[in-house]
C-alpha cells in the first residue's frame, strides 16, 4: 500500500473528527447558553438541578460519558437506542460531546454575563429598555468580548478531544493510523499530528481575527 493511499485514508478518517467537531460546536454553543440561563435562574430548584448536572458532567471524563451514553440504554433499559452500526456509534458520540461541551460553554457564558456590571443593566431600565433589549444591546457585546479567549481555548480542545470517539469503535483518524502499526508502519500514526496541527492553526488564526474585530469595544 503506497503512502498516498494511506494518507488519503487518513484524510477520509479525519472527516469523522470534523463531523464531530462542527456538529458539537453548532449544537453546543446555543445549548450552553440555555444551560447558563438555567444555572442563573432565580427559581432555586431549577438552578440547583442545572448546577448539579453541570458539576457531574464537568467532573467526570468525557471518555466515560461517551461509553455510558452509548452502552447505557442497552445495559440499563435493555434497549440499544443507537444500534451497532457506524451511524449509531457516531450519533451517540455526538450526543455525548454536545452535552459535555455545552456544560463547559455554559460556565463560560455564565462568567461572562455575571462579569458585566449590574449598574449598566440598571441604567438600561432607567432608560425604559426591556430586559430583552438590555441583554442584546447592552450586555451581549460585552459578554462576547469577554468570553472569546476562554471559548477559543475550549474550541481548540474540542478539536483534539474528537479522537476520544475511538472508544466506541468510531474509525476516526488516530484509530485508523494505529491499525497500520500492526503492519509495521509507524509513520501514519505520527502523521495524524499534521491534521490536528493544521486544524488548530486555522482555528487560532480565525479566533485571533475575531478578537481583533472586537478590539473596538473595550469591555
N, C-alpha and C. Protein backbone atom coordinates (compact mmCIF):
# COMPACT_ATOMS: atom_id res chain seq x y z
N UNK A 1 0.85 -1.20 0.00
CA UNK A 1 0.00 0.00 0.00
C UNK A 1 0.88 1.25 0.00
N UNK A 2 0.65 2.13 -0.94
CA UNK A 2 1.50 3.31 -1.08
C UNK A 2 1.18 4.37 -0.03
N UNK A 3 2.14 5.28 0.14
CA UNK A 3 1.98 6.35 1.14
C UNK A 3 0.80 7.25 0.78
N UNK A 4 0.59 7.50 -0.52
CA UNK A 4 -0.50 8.38 -0.94
C UNK A 4 -1.86 7.77 -0.61
N UNK A 5 -1.97 6.45 -0.75
CA UNK A 5 -3.23 5.76 -0.43
C UNK A 5 -3.49 5.83 1.07
N UNK A 6 -2.45 5.61 1.85
CA UNK A 6 -2.60 5.67 3.31
C UNK A 6 -2.98 7.07 3.76
N UNK A 7 -2.32 8.05 3.17
CA UNK A 7 -2.60 9.44 3.55
C UNK A 7 -4.05 9.82 3.17
N UNK A 8 -4.51 9.30 2.03
CA UNK A 8 -5.90 9.55 1.62
C UNK A 8 -6.87 8.89 2.59
N UNK A 9 -6.51 7.71 3.07
CA UNK A 9 -7.35 7.01 4.05
C UNK A 9 -7.40 7.78 5.36
N UNK A 10 -6.28 8.36 5.75
CA UNK A 10 -6.24 9.16 6.98
C UNK A 10 -7.10 10.42 6.83
N UNK A 11 -7.02 11.04 5.65
CA UNK A 11 -7.82 12.24 5.39
C UNK A 11 -9.31 11.91 5.45
N UNK A 12 -9.67 10.75 4.92
CA UNK A 12 -11.07 10.32 4.97
C UNK A 12 -11.52 10.09 6.40
N UNK A 13 -10.65 9.47 7.19
CA UNK A 13 -10.98 9.21 8.60
C UNK A 13 -11.07 10.51 9.39
N UNK A 14 -10.26 11.50 9.02
CA UNK A 14 -10.28 12.78 9.75
C UNK A 14 -11.61 13.50 9.55
N UNK A 15 -12.33 13.16 8.50
CA UNK A 15 -13.63 13.78 8.27
C UNK A 15 -14.60 13.44 9.42
N UNK A 16 -14.44 12.26 10.01
CA UNK A 16 -15.27 11.89 11.17
C UNK A 16 -14.97 12.83 12.32
N UNK A 17 -13.68 13.11 12.54
CA UNK A 17 -13.31 14.08 13.58
C UNK A 17 -13.95 15.44 13.30
N UNK A 18 -13.93 15.83 12.02
CA UNK A 18 -14.51 17.13 11.64
C UNK A 18 -16.01 17.16 11.86
N UNK A 19 -16.68 16.06 11.52
CA UNK A 19 -18.13 15.99 11.74
C UNK A 19 -18.47 16.18 13.21
N UNK A 20 -17.75 15.46 14.05
CA UNK A 20 -17.98 15.57 15.50
C UNK A 20 -17.73 17.00 15.96
N UNK A 21 -16.66 17.60 15.47
CA UNK A 21 -16.30 18.96 15.86
C UNK A 21 -17.37 19.97 15.48
N UNK A 22 -17.75 19.99 14.21
CA UNK A 22 -18.69 21.01 13.72
C UNK A 22 -20.08 20.85 14.31
N UNK A 23 -20.56 19.62 14.41
CA UNK A 23 -21.90 19.41 14.97
C UNK A 23 -21.92 19.74 16.46
N UNK A 24 -20.85 19.36 17.17
CA UNK A 24 -20.77 19.69 18.60
C UNK A 24 -20.77 21.19 18.80
N UNK A 25 -20.02 21.90 17.97
CA UNK A 25 -19.95 23.35 18.08
C UNK A 25 -21.30 23.99 17.76
N UNK A 26 -21.93 23.52 16.68
CA UNK A 26 -23.21 24.11 16.25
C UNK A 26 -24.31 23.88 17.28
N UNK A 27 -24.31 22.73 17.93
CA UNK A 27 -25.35 22.44 18.91
C UNK A 27 -24.95 22.85 20.33
N UNK A 28 -23.66 22.74 20.63
CA UNK A 28 -23.19 23.01 21.99
C UNK A 28 -23.21 24.48 22.38
N UNK A 29 -22.92 25.37 21.42
CA UNK A 29 -22.90 26.80 21.75
C UNK A 29 -24.27 27.34 22.17
N UNK A 30 -25.33 27.11 21.40
CA UNK A 30 -26.64 27.59 21.85
C UNK A 30 -27.16 26.84 23.08
N UNK A 31 -26.90 25.53 23.15
CA UNK A 31 -27.35 24.76 24.32
C UNK A 31 -26.64 25.25 25.57
N UNK A 32 -25.37 25.60 25.43
CA UNK A 32 -24.61 26.12 26.57
C UNK A 32 -25.22 27.40 27.12
N UNK A 33 -25.74 28.25 26.23
CA UNK A 33 -26.38 29.49 26.68
C UNK A 33 -27.66 29.20 27.45
N UNK A 34 -28.42 28.21 26.96
CA UNK A 34 -29.65 27.81 27.66
C UNK A 34 -29.31 27.28 29.05
N UNK A 35 -28.27 26.45 29.13
CA UNK A 35 -27.86 25.90 30.42
C UNK A 35 -27.37 26.99 31.35
N UNK A 36 -26.67 27.98 30.79
CA UNK A 36 -26.20 29.10 31.61
C UNK A 36 -27.36 29.86 32.23
N UNK A 37 -28.40 30.11 31.43
CA UNK A 37 -29.58 30.79 31.96
C UNK A 37 -30.25 29.93 33.03
N UNK A 38 -30.24 28.61 32.83
CA UNK A 38 -30.82 27.71 33.83
C UNK A 38 -30.07 27.76 35.14
N UNK A 39 -28.75 27.77 35.08
CA UNK A 39 -27.94 27.81 36.31
C UNK A 39 -28.05 29.16 37.01
N UNK A 40 -28.41 30.21 36.25
CA UNK A 40 -28.56 31.54 36.83
C UNK A 40 -30.01 31.85 37.21
N UNK A 41 -30.90 30.88 36.99
CA UNK A 41 -32.31 31.10 37.26
C UNK A 41 -32.57 31.46 38.73
N UNK A 42 -33.52 32.35 38.93
CA UNK A 42 -33.89 32.74 40.29
C UNK A 42 -34.81 31.71 40.95
N UNK A 43 -35.25 30.73 40.15
CA UNK A 43 -36.05 29.62 40.69
C UNK A 43 -35.07 28.58 41.22
N UNK A 44 -34.95 28.49 42.52
CA UNK A 44 -33.91 27.68 43.16
C UNK A 44 -33.88 26.22 42.71
N UNK A 45 -35.01 25.51 42.64
CA UNK A 45 -34.93 24.11 42.20
C UNK A 45 -34.33 23.95 40.81
N UNK A 46 -34.68 24.86 39.89
CA UNK A 46 -34.14 24.78 38.53
C UNK A 46 -32.63 25.02 38.53
N UNK A 47 -32.20 26.08 39.19
CA UNK A 47 -30.77 26.38 39.22
C UNK A 47 -29.99 25.27 39.92
N UNK A 48 -30.57 24.68 40.97
CA UNK A 48 -29.88 23.61 41.69
C UNK A 48 -29.72 22.37 40.82
N UNK A 49 -30.77 22.01 40.10
CA UNK A 49 -30.71 20.84 39.21
C UNK A 49 -29.69 21.05 38.09
N UNK A 50 -29.75 22.23 37.47
CA UNK A 50 -28.84 22.51 36.36
C UNK A 50 -27.40 22.54 36.84
N UNK A 51 -27.15 23.17 37.97
CA UNK A 51 -25.79 23.24 38.51
C UNK A 51 -25.26 21.86 38.86
N UNK A 52 -26.14 20.98 39.36
CA UNK A 52 -25.72 19.62 39.70
C UNK A 52 -25.33 18.84 38.44
N UNK A 53 -26.14 18.99 37.40
CA UNK A 53 -25.84 18.32 36.12
C UNK A 53 -24.50 18.80 35.56
N UNK A 54 -24.31 20.12 35.58
CA UNK A 54 -23.06 20.70 35.09
C UNK A 54 -21.88 20.18 35.90
N UNK A 55 -22.04 20.11 37.21
CA UNK A 55 -20.97 19.62 38.09
C UNK A 55 -20.61 18.17 37.77
N UNK A 56 -21.62 17.34 37.55
CA UNK A 56 -21.38 15.93 37.23
C UNK A 56 -20.67 15.80 35.88
N UNK A 57 -21.15 16.52 34.88
CA UNK A 57 -20.57 16.43 33.54
C UNK A 57 -19.13 16.94 33.52
N UNK A 58 -18.90 18.06 34.19
CA UNK A 58 -17.54 18.63 34.20
C UNK A 58 -16.60 17.84 35.10
N UNK A 59 -17.16 17.08 36.03
CA UNK A 59 -16.32 16.36 36.99
C UNK A 59 -15.99 14.94 36.59
N UNK A 60 -16.51 14.47 35.46
CA UNK A 60 -16.23 13.11 35.00
C UNK A 60 -15.60 13.15 33.61
N UNK A 61 -14.81 12.14 33.26
CA UNK A 61 -14.12 12.14 31.96
C UNK A 61 -15.09 12.04 30.78
N UNK A 62 -14.78 12.75 29.73
CA UNK A 62 -15.60 12.69 28.52
C UNK A 62 -15.62 11.27 27.96
N UNK A 63 -14.51 10.57 28.05
CA UNK A 63 -14.46 9.19 27.56
C UNK A 63 -15.50 8.32 28.27
N UNK A 64 -15.61 8.49 29.57
CA UNK A 64 -16.59 7.73 30.36
C UNK A 64 -18.02 8.08 29.92
N UNK A 65 -18.25 9.36 29.66
CA UNK A 65 -19.58 9.79 29.23
C UNK A 65 -19.96 9.20 27.88
N UNK A 66 -19.00 9.12 26.97
CA UNK A 66 -19.26 8.51 25.65
C UNK A 66 -19.65 7.05 25.82
N UNK A 67 -18.92 6.34 26.68
CA UNK A 67 -19.19 4.92 26.91
C UNK A 67 -20.57 4.73 27.52
N UNK A 68 -20.89 5.53 28.54
CA UNK A 68 -22.18 5.40 29.23
C UNK A 68 -23.35 5.72 28.29
N UNK A 69 -23.21 6.80 27.52
CA UNK A 69 -24.31 7.18 26.62
C UNK A 69 -24.52 6.14 25.53
N UNK A 70 -23.44 5.52 25.07
CA UNK A 70 -23.59 4.52 24.01
C UNK A 70 -24.10 3.18 24.54
N UNK A 71 -23.49 2.70 25.62
CA UNK A 71 -23.83 1.39 26.13
C UNK A 71 -24.94 1.42 27.19
N UNK A 72 -25.13 2.57 27.84
CA UNK A 72 -26.10 2.65 28.94
C UNK A 72 -27.51 2.21 28.60
N UNK A 73 -28.12 2.73 27.52
CA UNK A 73 -29.50 2.34 27.21
C UNK A 73 -29.68 0.83 27.04
N UNK A 74 -28.70 0.19 26.40
CA UNK A 74 -28.80 -1.25 26.18
C UNK A 74 -28.65 -2.05 27.46
N UNK A 75 -27.72 -1.60 28.34
CA UNK A 75 -27.45 -2.34 29.57
C UNK A 75 -28.49 -2.07 30.65
N UNK A 76 -28.96 -0.83 30.73
CA UNK A 76 -29.89 -0.46 31.79
C UNK A 76 -31.34 -0.69 31.39
N UNK A 77 -31.69 -0.26 30.17
CA UNK A 77 -33.08 -0.34 29.71
C UNK A 77 -33.33 -1.52 28.78
N UNK A 78 -32.27 -2.27 28.48
CA UNK A 78 -32.38 -3.40 27.55
C UNK A 78 -32.92 -2.95 26.19
N UNK A 79 -32.50 -1.74 25.81
CA UNK A 79 -32.95 -1.20 24.53
C UNK A 79 -31.85 -0.28 23.98
N UNK A 80 -31.08 -0.80 23.06
CA UNK A 80 -29.99 -0.02 22.49
C UNK A 80 -30.55 0.96 21.46
N UNK A 81 -30.70 2.22 21.88
CA UNK A 81 -31.27 3.24 21.02
C UNK A 81 -30.45 3.45 19.76
N UNK A 82 -29.14 3.32 19.88
CA UNK A 82 -28.25 3.76 18.82
C UNK A 82 -28.01 2.72 17.73
N UNK A 83 -28.16 1.46 18.08
CA UNK A 83 -27.80 0.41 17.13
C UNK A 83 -26.30 0.17 17.16
N UNK A 84 -25.85 -0.83 16.44
CA UNK A 84 -24.43 -1.19 16.49
C UNK A 84 -23.65 -0.72 15.27
N UNK A 85 -24.31 -0.07 14.33
CA UNK A 85 -23.64 0.35 13.11
C UNK A 85 -22.89 1.66 13.25
N UNK A 86 -22.29 2.09 12.15
CA UNK A 86 -21.49 3.31 12.11
C UNK A 86 -22.31 4.54 12.52
N UNK A 87 -23.51 4.66 11.96
CA UNK A 87 -24.35 5.83 12.24
C UNK A 87 -24.71 5.91 13.72
N UNK A 88 -25.08 4.79 14.30
CA UNK A 88 -25.45 4.77 15.72
C UNK A 88 -24.30 5.17 16.62
N UNK A 89 -23.11 4.65 16.32
CA UNK A 89 -21.94 4.99 17.14
C UNK A 89 -21.62 6.48 17.02
N UNK A 90 -21.74 7.01 15.80
CA UNK A 90 -21.42 8.42 15.58
C UNK A 90 -22.43 9.32 16.29
N UNK A 91 -23.71 8.98 16.21
CA UNK A 91 -24.74 9.79 16.86
C UNK A 91 -24.55 9.79 18.37
N UNK A 92 -24.28 8.62 18.94
CA UNK A 92 -24.06 8.52 20.40
C UNK A 92 -22.87 9.37 20.82
N UNK A 93 -21.82 9.33 20.01
CA UNK A 93 -20.62 10.13 20.29
C UNK A 93 -20.94 11.61 20.27
N UNK A 94 -21.66 12.04 19.25
CA UNK A 94 -22.00 13.47 19.12
C UNK A 94 -22.88 13.92 20.28
N UNK A 95 -23.84 13.09 20.68
CA UNK A 95 -24.71 13.44 21.82
C UNK A 95 -23.87 13.65 23.08
N UNK A 96 -22.92 12.74 23.32
CA UNK A 96 -22.05 12.86 24.49
C UNK A 96 -21.21 14.12 24.42
N UNK A 97 -20.66 14.41 23.25
CA UNK A 97 -19.83 15.61 23.08
C UNK A 97 -20.64 16.88 23.26
N UNK A 98 -21.84 16.93 22.68
CA UNK A 98 -22.68 18.13 22.79
C UNK A 98 -23.02 18.41 24.25
N UNK A 99 -23.43 17.39 24.98
CA UNK A 99 -23.77 17.58 26.40
C UNK A 99 -22.56 18.05 27.19
N UNK A 100 -21.42 17.39 26.96
CA UNK A 100 -20.21 17.73 27.70
C UNK A 100 -19.77 19.17 27.43
N UNK A 101 -19.65 19.52 26.16
CA UNK A 101 -19.15 20.86 25.83
C UNK A 101 -20.16 21.95 26.11
N UNK A 102 -21.46 21.64 26.02
CA UNK A 102 -22.47 22.63 26.37
C UNK A 102 -22.34 23.03 27.84
N UNK A 103 -22.02 22.06 28.69
CA UNK A 103 -21.84 22.35 30.11
C UNK A 103 -20.61 23.24 30.34
N UNK A 104 -19.53 22.96 29.62
CA UNK A 104 -18.34 23.81 29.73
C UNK A 104 -18.61 25.20 29.17
N UNK A 105 -19.27 25.26 28.02
CA UNK A 105 -19.61 26.55 27.43
C UNK A 105 -20.51 27.35 28.36
N UNK A 106 -21.43 26.66 29.06
CA UNK A 106 -22.37 27.36 29.94
C UNK A 106 -21.65 28.11 31.05
N UNK A 107 -20.59 27.52 31.57
CA UNK A 107 -19.83 28.19 32.63
C UNK A 107 -19.10 29.41 32.09
N UNK A 108 -18.65 29.34 30.85
CA UNK A 108 -18.00 30.50 30.23
C UNK A 108 -19.03 31.60 30.01
N UNK A 109 -20.20 31.23 29.50
CA UNK A 109 -21.27 32.20 29.32
C UNK A 109 -21.64 32.85 30.65
N UNK A 110 -21.84 32.00 31.65
CA UNK A 110 -22.26 32.50 32.97
C UNK A 110 -21.24 33.47 33.53
N UNK A 111 -19.98 33.12 33.43
CA UNK A 111 -18.92 34.01 33.92
C UNK A 111 -18.92 35.33 33.17
N UNK A 112 -19.13 35.27 31.85
CA UNK A 112 -19.16 36.49 31.06
C UNK A 112 -20.34 37.38 31.39
N UNK A 113 -21.51 36.78 31.56
CA UNK A 113 -22.71 37.55 31.88
C UNK A 113 -22.60 38.19 33.26
N UNK A 114 -22.14 37.41 34.23
CA UNK A 114 -22.06 37.92 35.60
C UNK A 114 -20.95 38.94 35.78
N UNK A 115 -20.01 39.00 34.82
CA UNK A 115 -18.91 39.96 34.93
C UNK A 115 -19.30 41.36 34.46
N UNK A 116 -20.44 41.45 33.77
CA UNK A 116 -20.92 42.76 33.31
C UNK A 116 -21.51 43.51 34.51
N UNK A 117 -21.04 44.73 34.77
CA UNK A 117 -21.54 45.49 35.93
C UNK A 117 -23.06 45.62 35.94
N UNK A 118 -23.65 45.39 37.10
CA UNK A 118 -25.10 45.46 37.25
C UNK A 118 -25.61 46.87 36.94
N UNK A 119 -24.78 47.87 37.22
CA UNK A 119 -25.19 49.25 37.00
C UNK A 119 -25.58 49.54 35.57
N UNK A 120 -24.99 48.81 34.61
CA UNK A 120 -25.32 49.05 33.21
C UNK A 120 -26.73 48.56 32.89
N UNK A 121 -27.12 47.44 33.49
CA UNK A 121 -28.49 46.95 33.31
C UNK A 121 -29.48 47.89 33.96
N UNK A 122 -29.11 48.39 35.11
CA UNK A 122 -29.99 49.32 35.81
C UNK A 122 -30.16 50.61 35.01
N UNK A 123 -29.08 51.04 34.36
CA UNK A 123 -29.16 52.25 33.53
C UNK A 123 -30.10 52.03 32.35
N UNK A 124 -30.06 50.81 31.80
CA UNK A 124 -30.96 50.48 30.70
C UNK A 124 -32.41 50.50 31.14
N UNK A 125 -32.66 50.02 32.35
CA UNK A 125 -34.02 50.03 32.88
C UNK A 125 -34.51 51.46 33.08
N UNK A 126 -33.62 52.31 33.55
CA UNK A 126 -33.97 53.72 33.75
C UNK A 126 -34.36 54.37 32.42
N UNK A 127 -33.69 53.93 31.34
CA UNK A 127 -33.97 54.49 30.02
C UNK A 127 -35.22 53.88 29.39
N UNK A 128 -35.86 52.97 30.11
CA UNK A 128 -37.09 52.37 29.62
C UNK A 128 -36.90 51.17 28.71
N UNK A 129 -35.71 50.57 28.71
CA UNK A 129 -35.45 49.41 27.87
C UNK A 129 -36.01 48.15 28.52
N UNK A 130 -36.46 47.22 27.68
CA UNK A 130 -36.95 45.94 28.20
C UNK A 130 -35.75 45.05 28.55
N UNK A 131 -36.02 43.95 29.25
CA UNK A 131 -34.93 43.03 29.61
C UNK A 131 -34.27 42.45 28.37
N UNK A 132 -35.06 42.16 27.35
CA UNK A 132 -34.51 41.64 26.09
C UNK A 132 -33.60 42.68 25.43
N UNK A 133 -34.05 43.92 25.39
CA UNK A 133 -33.24 44.99 24.79
C UNK A 133 -31.95 45.20 25.56
N UNK A 134 -32.03 45.16 26.88
CA UNK A 134 -30.84 45.33 27.72
C UNK A 134 -29.83 44.22 27.43
N UNK A 135 -30.34 42.99 27.31
CA UNK A 135 -29.43 41.86 27.08
C UNK A 135 -28.73 41.97 25.74
N UNK A 136 -29.51 42.24 24.67
CA UNK A 136 -28.94 42.22 23.33
C UNK A 136 -28.18 43.50 22.98
N UNK A 137 -28.57 44.64 23.56
CA UNK A 137 -27.95 45.91 23.19
C UNK A 137 -26.88 46.38 24.17
N UNK A 138 -26.96 45.90 25.41
CA UNK A 138 -26.02 46.36 26.43
C UNK A 138 -25.09 45.24 26.89
N UNK A 139 -25.68 44.11 27.26
CA UNK A 139 -24.90 43.03 27.88
C UNK A 139 -24.16 42.17 26.87
N UNK A 140 -24.84 41.81 25.78
CA UNK A 140 -24.29 40.80 24.87
C UNK A 140 -22.94 41.16 24.29
N UNK A 141 -22.76 42.38 23.81
CA UNK A 141 -21.48 42.78 23.22
C UNK A 141 -20.34 42.63 24.22
N UNK A 142 -20.60 43.03 25.46
CA UNK A 142 -19.55 42.92 26.47
C UNK A 142 -19.26 41.45 26.81
N UNK A 143 -20.32 40.65 26.83
CA UNK A 143 -20.14 39.22 27.10
C UNK A 143 -19.29 38.57 26.01
N UNK A 144 -19.62 38.86 24.75
CA UNK A 144 -18.86 38.29 23.63
C UNK A 144 -17.39 38.66 23.72
N UNK A 145 -17.12 39.92 24.01
CA UNK A 145 -15.75 40.38 24.14
C UNK A 145 -15.00 39.61 25.22
N UNK A 146 -15.67 39.36 26.34
CA UNK A 146 -15.01 38.71 27.47
C UNK A 146 -14.83 37.21 27.29
N UNK A 147 -15.74 36.57 26.56
CA UNK A 147 -15.70 35.10 26.51
C UNK A 147 -14.90 34.56 25.33
N UNK A 148 -14.52 35.40 24.37
CA UNK A 148 -13.81 34.88 23.19
C UNK A 148 -12.53 34.12 23.55
N UNK A 149 -11.63 34.65 24.41
CA UNK A 149 -10.41 33.89 24.73
C UNK A 149 -10.68 32.53 25.39
N UNK A 150 -11.49 32.47 26.49
CA UNK A 150 -11.73 31.15 27.08
C UNK A 150 -12.53 30.23 26.16
N UNK A 151 -13.45 30.79 25.39
CA UNK A 151 -14.21 29.97 24.46
C UNK A 151 -13.30 29.42 23.38
N UNK A 152 -12.35 30.22 22.94
CA UNK A 152 -11.38 29.77 21.95
C UNK A 152 -10.56 28.59 22.45
N UNK A 153 -10.16 28.64 23.71
CA UNK A 153 -9.40 27.54 24.30
C UNK A 153 -10.22 26.24 24.29
N UNK A 154 -11.51 26.35 24.64
CA UNK A 154 -12.37 25.17 24.66
C UNK A 154 -12.57 24.61 23.26
N UNK A 155 -12.72 25.50 22.29
CA UNK A 155 -12.93 25.07 20.91
C UNK A 155 -11.70 24.32 20.38
N UNK A 156 -10.52 24.82 20.71
CA UNK A 156 -9.29 24.15 20.29
C UNK A 156 -9.16 22.79 21.00
N UNK A 157 -9.55 22.75 22.26
CA UNK A 157 -9.52 21.47 22.99
C UNK A 157 -10.49 20.48 22.35
N UNK A 158 -11.62 20.98 21.88
CA UNK A 158 -12.61 20.11 21.23
C UNK A 158 -12.02 19.42 20.01
N UNK A 159 -11.21 20.13 19.24
CA UNK A 159 -10.58 19.52 18.06
C UNK A 159 -9.81 18.27 18.47
N UNK A 160 -9.04 18.37 19.52
CA UNK A 160 -8.21 17.24 19.96
C UNK A 160 -9.04 16.15 20.64
N UNK A 161 -10.09 16.56 21.33
CA UNK A 161 -10.93 15.58 22.03
C UNK A 161 -11.71 14.68 21.09
N UNK A 162 -11.86 15.10 19.84
CA UNK A 162 -12.61 14.26 18.89
C UNK A 162 -11.97 12.88 18.74
N UNK A 163 -10.69 12.77 19.08
CA UNK A 163 -10.01 11.47 18.99
C UNK A 163 -10.59 10.47 19.99
N UNK A 164 -11.31 10.96 21.01
CA UNK A 164 -11.91 10.05 22.01
C UNK A 164 -13.06 9.25 21.41
N UNK A 165 -13.49 9.62 20.21
CA UNK A 165 -14.58 8.89 19.56
C UNK A 165 -14.21 7.43 19.34
N UNK A 166 -12.94 7.13 19.31
CA UNK A 166 -12.48 5.76 19.07
C UNK A 166 -12.86 4.80 20.18
N UNK A 167 -13.22 5.33 21.35
CA UNK A 167 -13.51 4.48 22.49
C UNK A 167 -14.70 3.56 22.24
N UNK A 168 -15.60 3.95 21.32
CA UNK A 168 -16.70 3.06 20.95
C UNK A 168 -16.58 2.66 19.48
N UNK A 169 -15.34 2.55 19.03
CA UNK A 169 -15.01 1.99 17.72
C UNK A 169 -15.38 2.89 16.54
N UNK A 170 -15.46 4.19 16.74
CA UNK A 170 -15.58 5.09 15.60
C UNK A 170 -14.21 5.14 14.91
N UNK A 171 -14.21 4.97 13.61
CA UNK A 171 -12.96 4.89 12.87
C UNK A 171 -12.41 6.30 12.59
N UNK A 172 -12.09 7.02 13.68
CA UNK A 172 -11.51 8.35 13.50
C UNK A 172 -10.02 8.20 13.16
N UNK A 173 -9.37 9.32 12.91
CA UNK A 173 -8.05 9.28 12.27
C UNK A 173 -6.98 8.54 13.08
N UNK A 174 -6.94 8.72 14.39
CA UNK A 174 -5.89 8.06 15.18
C UNK A 174 -6.11 6.56 15.23
N UNK A 175 -7.36 6.14 15.32
CA UNK A 175 -7.65 4.70 15.33
C UNK A 175 -7.23 4.06 14.01
N UNK A 176 -7.53 4.73 12.92
CA UNK A 176 -7.14 4.21 11.60
C UNK A 176 -5.62 4.15 11.47
N UNK A 177 -4.95 5.21 11.93
CA UNK A 177 -3.49 5.25 11.84
C UNK A 177 -2.85 4.15 12.69
N UNK A 178 -3.43 3.91 13.86
CA UNK A 178 -2.87 2.89 14.74
C UNK A 178 -3.01 1.49 14.15
N UNK A 179 -4.03 1.29 13.33
CA UNK A 179 -4.20 -0.01 12.69
C UNK A 179 -3.02 -0.38 11.80
N UNK A 180 -2.33 0.64 11.28
CA UNK A 180 -1.18 0.38 10.41
C UNK A 180 0.05 -0.07 11.18
N UNK A 181 0.06 0.14 12.50
CA UNK A 181 1.23 -0.30 13.28
C UNK A 181 1.37 -1.81 13.27
N UNK A 182 0.23 -2.50 13.15
CA UNK A 182 0.29 -3.97 13.10
C UNK A 182 0.91 -4.46 11.79
N UNK A 183 0.99 -3.54 10.82
CA UNK A 183 1.60 -3.87 9.53
C UNK A 183 3.04 -3.36 9.46
N UNK A 184 3.54 -2.91 10.62
CA UNK A 184 4.93 -2.45 10.67
C UNK A 184 5.14 -1.02 10.26
N UNK A 185 4.07 -0.24 10.17
CA UNK A 185 4.19 1.17 9.77
C UNK A 185 3.87 2.07 10.96
N UNK A 186 4.82 2.93 11.32
CA UNK A 186 4.59 3.85 12.43
C UNK A 186 4.33 5.27 11.96
N UNK A 187 4.79 5.59 10.72
CA UNK A 187 4.66 6.97 10.26
C UNK A 187 3.21 7.45 10.14
N UNK A 188 2.23 6.58 9.79
CA UNK A 188 0.85 7.08 9.72
C UNK A 188 0.36 7.62 11.08
N UNK A 189 0.82 6.99 12.15
CA UNK A 189 0.40 7.44 13.48
C UNK A 189 0.96 8.83 13.77
N UNK A 190 2.22 9.05 13.45
CA UNK A 190 2.82 10.36 13.67
C UNK A 190 2.24 11.42 12.73
N UNK A 191 1.88 10.99 11.53
CA UNK A 191 1.38 11.96 10.54
C UNK A 191 0.00 12.51 10.92
N UNK A 192 -0.71 11.83 11.83
CA UNK A 192 -2.01 12.36 12.27
C UNK A 192 -1.85 13.73 12.93
N UNK A 193 -0.66 13.96 13.48
CA UNK A 193 -0.40 15.26 14.11
C UNK A 193 -0.53 16.40 13.11
N UNK A 194 -0.21 16.13 11.84
CA UNK A 194 -0.30 17.16 10.81
C UNK A 194 -1.74 17.66 10.68
N UNK A 195 -2.67 16.70 10.66
CA UNK A 195 -4.08 17.06 10.51
C UNK A 195 -4.56 17.93 11.68
N UNK A 196 -4.20 17.52 12.89
CA UNK A 196 -4.63 18.27 14.06
C UNK A 196 -3.95 19.64 14.13
N UNK A 197 -2.67 19.68 13.78
CA UNK A 197 -1.95 20.96 13.82
C UNK A 197 -2.51 21.94 12.80
N UNK A 198 -2.85 21.45 11.62
CA UNK A 198 -3.44 22.32 10.60
C UNK A 198 -4.79 22.85 11.07
N UNK A 199 -5.62 21.96 11.63
CA UNK A 199 -6.94 22.37 12.11
C UNK A 199 -6.82 23.40 13.23
N UNK A 200 -5.94 23.12 14.18
CA UNK A 200 -5.75 24.05 15.30
C UNK A 200 -5.16 25.37 14.80
N UNK A 201 -4.25 25.30 13.83
CA UNK A 201 -3.66 26.52 13.28
C UNK A 201 -4.70 27.41 12.62
N UNK A 202 -5.59 26.80 11.84
CA UNK A 202 -6.66 27.57 11.19
C UNK A 202 -7.57 28.22 12.23
N UNK A 203 -7.94 27.44 13.23
CA UNK A 203 -8.80 27.98 14.29
C UNK A 203 -8.13 29.12 15.05
N UNK A 204 -6.84 28.97 15.31
CA UNK A 204 -6.09 30.01 16.02
C UNK A 204 -6.11 31.32 15.23
N UNK A 205 -5.93 31.23 13.92
CA UNK A 205 -5.95 32.42 13.07
C UNK A 205 -7.34 33.06 13.07
N UNK A 206 -8.38 32.22 12.92
CA UNK A 206 -9.76 32.73 12.89
C UNK A 206 -10.12 33.39 14.21
N UNK A 207 -9.81 32.72 15.32
CA UNK A 207 -10.13 33.27 16.63
C UNK A 207 -9.35 34.56 16.90
N UNK A 208 -8.11 34.59 16.41
CA UNK A 208 -7.31 35.81 16.57
C UNK A 208 -7.94 36.98 15.84
N UNK A 209 -8.47 36.72 14.64
CA UNK A 209 -9.13 37.78 13.87
C UNK A 209 -10.41 38.24 14.55
N UNK A 210 -11.13 37.28 15.16
CA UNK A 210 -12.36 37.64 15.88
C UNK A 210 -12.03 38.57 17.05
N UNK A 211 -10.96 38.24 17.77
CA UNK A 211 -10.56 39.09 18.90
C UNK A 211 -10.19 40.49 18.42
N UNK A 212 -9.49 40.58 17.30
CA UNK A 212 -9.11 41.89 16.76
C UNK A 212 -10.34 42.69 16.33
N UNK A 213 -11.32 41.98 15.76
CA UNK A 213 -12.56 42.65 15.36
C UNK A 213 -13.27 43.26 16.56
N UNK A 214 -13.10 42.63 17.71
CA UNK A 214 -13.78 43.10 18.92
C UNK A 214 -12.95 44.10 19.71
N UNK A 215 -11.75 44.43 19.22
CA UNK A 215 -10.89 45.37 19.92
C UNK A 215 -11.49 46.78 20.01
N UNK A 216 -12.41 47.06 19.07
CA UNK A 216 -13.02 48.41 19.10
C UNK A 216 -13.87 48.59 20.33
N UNK A 217 -14.28 47.45 20.92
CA UNK A 217 -15.18 47.50 22.08
C UNK A 217 -14.37 47.17 23.32
N UNK A 218 -14.21 48.12 24.20
CA UNK A 218 -13.46 47.90 25.43
C UNK A 218 -14.38 47.49 26.55
N UNK A 219 -14.33 46.17 26.88
CA UNK A 219 -15.20 45.67 27.94
C UNK A 219 -14.65 46.04 29.30
